[in-house]
C-alpha atoms as a PDB file:
ATOM      1  CA  MET A   1      72.789 -94.631  41.549  1.00  0.00           C
ATOM      2  CA  VAL A   2      75.238 -91.963  40.413  1.00  0.00           C
ATOM      3  CA  ALA A   3      77.739 -92.677  37.669  1.00  0.00           C
ATOM      4  CA  LYS A   4      81.286 -92.824  39.009  1.00  0.00           C
ATOM      5  CA  GLU A   5      82.450 -90.658  36.079  1.00  0.00           C
ATOM      6  CA  HIS A   6      80.012 -87.928  37.125  1.00  0.00           C
ATOM      7  CA  LEU A   7      81.517 -87.818  40.603  1.00  0.00           C
ATOM      8  CA  LEU A   8      85.071 -87.778  39.313  1.00  0.00           C
ATOM      9  CA  ALA A   9      84.102 -84.948  36.942  1.00  0.00           C
ATOM     10  CA  LEU A  10      83.497 -82.849  40.066  1.00  0.00           C
ATOM     11  CA  LYS A  11      87.272 -82.520  40.279  1.00  0.00           C
ATOM     12  CA  ASN A  12      86.970 -80.140  37.292  1.00  0.00           C
ATOM     13  CA  ARG A  13      85.099 -77.755  39.530  1.00  0.00           C
ATOM     14  CA  ILE A  14      86.236 -75.539  42.356  1.00  0.00           C
ATOM     15  CA  LEU A  15      86.092 -77.827  45.394  1.00  0.00           C
ATOM     16  CA  PRO A  16      85.950 -76.544  48.966  1.00  0.00           C
ATOM     17  CA  PRO A  17      88.826 -77.434  51.314  1.00  0.00           C
ATOM     18  CA  GLY A  18      88.803 -81.102  52.308  1.00  0.00           C
ATOM     19  CA  ALA A  19      86.363 -82.171  49.593  1.00  0.00           C
ATOM     20  CA  GLY A  20      88.880 -84.192  47.543  1.00  0.00           C
ATOM     21  CA  PRO A  21      88.964 -87.234  49.858  1.00  0.00           C
ATOM     22  CA  VAL A  22      85.176 -87.022  50.314  1.00  0.00           C
ATOM     23  CA  ILE A  23      84.637 -87.084  46.521  1.00  0.00           C
ATOM     24  CA  GLU A  24      86.983 -90.081  46.272  1.00  0.00           C
ATOM     25  CA  LEU A  25      85.000 -91.925  48.964  1.00  0.00           C
ATOM     26  CA  LEU A  26      81.704 -91.048  47.288  1.00  0.00           C
ATOM     27  CA  SER A  27      82.975 -92.372  43.952  1.00  0.00           C
ATOM     28  CA  GLN A  28      83.863 -95.680  45.617  1.00  0.00           C
ATOM     29  CA  HIS A  29      80.261 -95.999  46.837  1.00  0.00           C
ATOM     30  CA  HIS A  30      78.479 -94.451  43.845  1.00  0.00           C
ATOM     31  CA  GLN A  31      75.887 -97.247  43.831  1.00  0.00           C
ATOM     32  CA  GLN A  32      74.579 -95.959  47.193  1.00  0.00           C
ATOM     33  CA  LEU A  33      74.218 -92.349  46.016  1.00  0.00           C
ATOM     34  CA  GLU A  34      71.291 -90.449  44.606  1.00  0.00           C
ATOM     35  CA  MET A  35      71.668 -86.940  43.196  1.00  0.00           C
ATOM     36  CA  THR A  36      69.105 -84.384  44.277  1.00  0.00           C
ATOM     37  CA  SER A  37      68.373 -80.858  43.128  1.00  0.00           C
ATOM     38  CA  ILE A  38      66.670 -79.876  46.371  1.00  0.00           C
ATOM     39  CA  ILE A  39      67.881 -80.041  49.943  1.00  0.00           C
ATOM     40  CA  LEU A  40      65.973 -82.839  51.634  1.00  0.00           C
ATOM     41  CA  GLU A  41      65.153 -83.051  55.343  1.00  0.00           C
ATOM     42  CA  HIS A  42      65.356 -86.153  57.543  1.00  0.00           C
ATOM     43  CA  VAL A  43      67.364 -88.258  55.073  1.00  0.00           C
ATOM     44  CA  PRO A  44      71.111 -88.926  54.868  1.00  0.00           C
ATOM     45  CA  LEU A  45      72.406 -86.015  52.787  1.00  0.00           C
ATOM     46  CA  ILE A  46      75.667 -84.333  51.833  1.00  0.00           C
ATOM     47  CA  ILE A  47      75.775 -80.834  50.414  1.00  0.00           C
ATOM     48  CA  ILE A  48      78.945 -79.817  48.608  1.00  0.00           C
ATOM     49  CA  GLY A  49      79.135 -76.113  47.851  1.00  0.00           C
ATOM     50  CA  ARG A  50      81.725 -73.579  46.871  1.00  0.00           C
ATOM     51  CA  HIS A  51      82.559 -72.583  50.449  1.00  0.00           C
ATOM     52  CA  GLY A  52      82.255 -75.898  52.252  1.00  0.00           C
ATOM     53  CA  MET A  53      80.382 -79.103  52.910  1.00  0.00           C
ATOM     54  CA  ILE A  54      77.536 -80.037  55.207  1.00  0.00           C
ATOM     55  CA  ALA A  55      76.500 -83.610  55.881  1.00  0.00           C
ATOM     56  CA  ARG A  56      73.431 -84.854  57.657  1.00  0.00           C
ATOM     57  CA  LEU A  57      74.159 -88.432  58.600  1.00  0.00           C
ATOM     58  CA  PRO A  58      72.611 -90.923  61.003  1.00  0.00           C
ATOM     59  CA  ILE A  59      74.775 -91.213  64.105  1.00  0.00           C
ATOM     60  CA  ASP A  60      73.463 -93.203  67.070  1.00  0.00           C
ATOM     61  CA  GLY A  61      69.984 -93.327  65.537  1.00  0.00           C
ATOM     62  CA  ARG A  62      69.685 -89.563  64.980  1.00  0.00           C
ATOM     63  CA  ILE A  63      70.416 -87.421  61.909  1.00  0.00           C
ATOM     64  CA  THR A  64      73.408 -85.319  62.922  1.00  0.00           C
ATOM     65  CA  LYS A  65      74.684 -82.252  61.095  1.00  0.00           C
ATOM     66  CA  LEU A  66      78.438 -82.253  60.381  1.00  0.00           C
ATOM     67  CA  SER A  67      80.481 -79.510  58.754  1.00  0.00           C
ATOM     68  CA  GLN A  68      84.179 -80.292  59.284  1.00  0.00           C
ATOM     69  CA  PRO A  69      85.799 -82.341  56.476  1.00  0.00           C
ATOM     70  CA  PRO A  70      87.554 -84.851  58.792  1.00  0.00           C
ATOM     71  CA  GLU A  71      84.355 -85.635  60.730  1.00  0.00           C
ATOM     72  CA  ILE A  72      82.350 -85.842  57.485  1.00  0.00           C
ATOM     73  CA  LEU A  73      84.869 -88.293  56.014  1.00  0.00           C
ATOM     74  CA  THR A  74      84.898 -90.488  59.129  1.00  0.00           C
ATOM     75  CA  SER A  75      81.112 -90.486  59.404  1.00  0.00           C
ATOM     76  CA  LEU A  76      80.705 -91.259  55.699  1.00  0.00           C
ATOM     77  CA  GLN A  77      83.026 -94.252  56.037  1.00  0.00           C
ATOM     78  CA  ARG A  78      80.804 -95.599  58.824  1.00  0.00           C
ATOM     79  CA  PHE A  79      77.647 -94.714  56.876  1.00  0.00           C
ATOM     80  CA  PHE A  80      78.738 -96.703  53.808  1.00  0.00           C
ATOM     81  CA  GLU A  81      79.059 -99.850  55.918  1.00  0.00           C
ATOM     82  CA  SER A  82      75.258 -99.956  55.728  1.00  0.00           C
ATOM     83  CA  GLU A  83      73.221-100.310  52.532  1.00  0.00           C
ATOM     84  CA  GLN A  84      71.438 -96.961  52.943  1.00  0.00           C
ATOM     85  CA  THR A  85      71.150 -94.370  50.191  1.00  0.00           C
ATOM     86  CA  LEU A  86      72.975 -91.077  50.573  1.00  0.00           C
ATOM     87  CA  TYR A  87      71.495 -88.076  48.793  1.00  0.00           C
ATOM     88  CA  VAL A  88      74.001 -85.685  47.232  1.00  0.00           C
ATOM     89  CA  PHE A  89      73.372 -82.006  46.493  1.00  0.00           C
ATOM     90  CA  ILE A  90      76.105 -80.284  44.475  1.00  0.00           C
ATOM     91  CA  ASN A  91      76.398 -76.519  44.078  1.00  0.00           C
ATOM     92  CA  LEU A  92      79.814 -75.915  42.528  1.00  0.00           C
ATOM     93  CA  PRO A  93      80.861 -73.649  39.663  1.00  0.00           C
ATOM     94  CA  GLU A  94      82.757 -75.054  36.688  1.00  0.00           C
ATOM     95  CA  ILE A  95      86.407 -74.071  36.343  1.00  0.00           C
ATOM     96  CA  GLN A  96      86.649 -71.599  33.493  1.00  0.00           C
ATOM     97  CA  PHE A  97      89.522 -72.454  31.170  1.00  0.00           C
ATOM     98  CA  PRO A  98      91.086 -69.713  29.025  1.00  0.00           C
ATOM     99  CA  ALA A  99      90.326 -69.953  25.301  1.00  0.00           C
ATOM    100  CA  ALA A 100      93.965 -70.840  24.516  1.00  0.00           C
ATOM    101  CA  VAL A 101      93.817 -73.845  26.870  1.00  0.00           C
ATOM    102  CA  THR A 102      90.525 -74.993  25.369  1.00  0.00           C
ATOM    103  CA  GLU A 103      92.048 -74.732  21.871  1.00  0.00           C
ATOM    104  CA  VAL A 104      95.080 -76.820  22.885  1.00  0.00           C
ATOM    105  CA  ILE A 105      92.791 -79.473  24.396  1.00  0.00           C
ATOM    106  CA  ARG A 106      90.739 -79.570  21.183  1.00  0.00           C
ATOM    107  CA  GLU A 107      93.921 -79.950  19.079  1.00  0.00           C
ATOM    108  CA  VAL A 108      95.165 -82.784  21.291  1.00  0.00           C
ATOM    109  CA  GLU A 109      91.801 -84.556  21.016  1.00  0.00           C
ATOM    110  CA  GLU A 110      91.954 -84.227  17.209  1.00  0.00           C
ATOM    111  CA  ARG A 111      95.486 -85.666  17.138  1.00  0.00           C
ATOM    112  CA  VAL A 112      94.401 -88.620  19.273  1.00  0.00           C
ATOM    113  CA  GLN A 113      91.481 -89.293  16.945  1.00  0.00           C
ATOM    114  CA  LYS A 114      93.774 -89.033  13.890  1.00  0.00           C
ATOM    115  CA  ARG A 115      96.291 -91.407  15.536  1.00  0.00           C
ATOM    116  CA  ASP A 116      93.546 -93.910  16.340  1.00  0.00           C
ATOM    117  CA  GLU A 117      92.269 -93.728  12.755  1.00  0.00           C
ATOM    118  CA  LEU A 118      95.793 -94.265  11.379  1.00  0.00           C
ATOM    119  CA  MET A 119      96.278 -97.267  13.678  1.00  0.00           C
ATOM    120  CA  ARG A 120      92.987 -98.739  12.440  1.00  0.00           C
ATOM    121  CA  GLN A 121      94.044 -98.188   8.812  1.00  0.00           C
ATOM    122  CA  ILE A 122      97.466 -99.745   9.483  1.00  0.00           C
ATOM    123  CA  ASP A 123      95.760-102.838  10.911  1.00  0.00           C
ATOM    124  CA  GLU A 124      93.560-103.063   7.814  1.00  0.00           C
ATOM    125  CA  ALA A 125      96.597-102.697   5.514  1.00  0.00           C
ATOM    126  CA  LEU A 126      98.342-105.514   7.398  1.00  0.00           C
ATOM    127  CA  GLU A 127      95.289-107.738   7.062  1.00  0.00           C
ATOM    128  CA  ARG A 128      95.191-107.044   3.303  1.00  0.00           C
ATOM    129  CA  ARG A 129      98.980-107.552   3.105  1.00  0.00           C
ATOM    130  CA  ASP A 130      99.217-104.164   1.355  1.00  0.00           C
ATOM    131  CA  ARG A 131     102.861-103.234   1.938  1.00  0.00           C
ATOM    132  CA  GLY A 132     102.640 -99.886   0.141  1.00  0.00           C
ATOM    133  CA  ALA A 133      99.638 -98.711   2.167  1.00  0.00           C
ATOM    134  CA  PHE A 134     101.258 -99.977   5.357  1.00  0.00           C
ATOM    135  CA  LEU A 135     104.490 -98.030   4.719  1.00  0.00           C
ATOM    136  CA  ARG A 136     102.611 -94.855   3.759  1.00  0.00           C
ATOM    137  CA  LEU A 137     100.354 -95.050   6.835  1.00  0.00           C
ATOM    138  CA  ALA A 138     103.255 -95.903   9.160  1.00  0.00           C
ATOM    139  CA  GLN A 139     105.134 -92.842   7.877  1.00  0.00           C
ATOM    140  CA  SER A 140     102.054 -90.647   8.458  1.00  0.00           C
ATOM    141  CA  LEU A 141     101.796 -92.027  11.996  1.00  0.00           C
ATOM    142  CA  ALA A 142     105.477 -91.321  12.660  1.00  0.00           C
ATOM    143  CA  GLN A 143     105.060 -87.729  11.442  1.00  0.00           C
ATOM    144  CA  LEU A 144     101.988 -87.260  13.618  1.00  0.00           C
ATOM    145  CA  GLU A 145     103.801 -88.489  16.708  1.00  0.00           C
ATOM    146  CA  GLU A 146     106.815 -86.172  16.226  1.00  0.00           C
END
């Protein structure tokens, strides 16, 4: 089984045209997926690469090769009606974020952690009925959120 979060993290990579709906469908059926690092023969398989997708799915009792996103999506929908395992091979590069964007993301994460810590401390001050600590912490929280 593949973690749903792992599949949704693929959206942070450069997806080929038409792969978005396929990734969404795969994430809905993550319990039927198995990641593979090699391309397997004679098993249900989808390969998602930088320039496109290829699926080998059982259609009318035979493994059929599909390469167009609409036909892959339709065939996958039919495939997931069964309880079979689909093997997934991913070959996608990560999106490279500029250093400035990475820095902003890090700062936002730090602010969220600080806010969560202040909220925890405010709850503790309320439980202790410490009015002074509560007011000081509430003011710090207000400043952080400005």
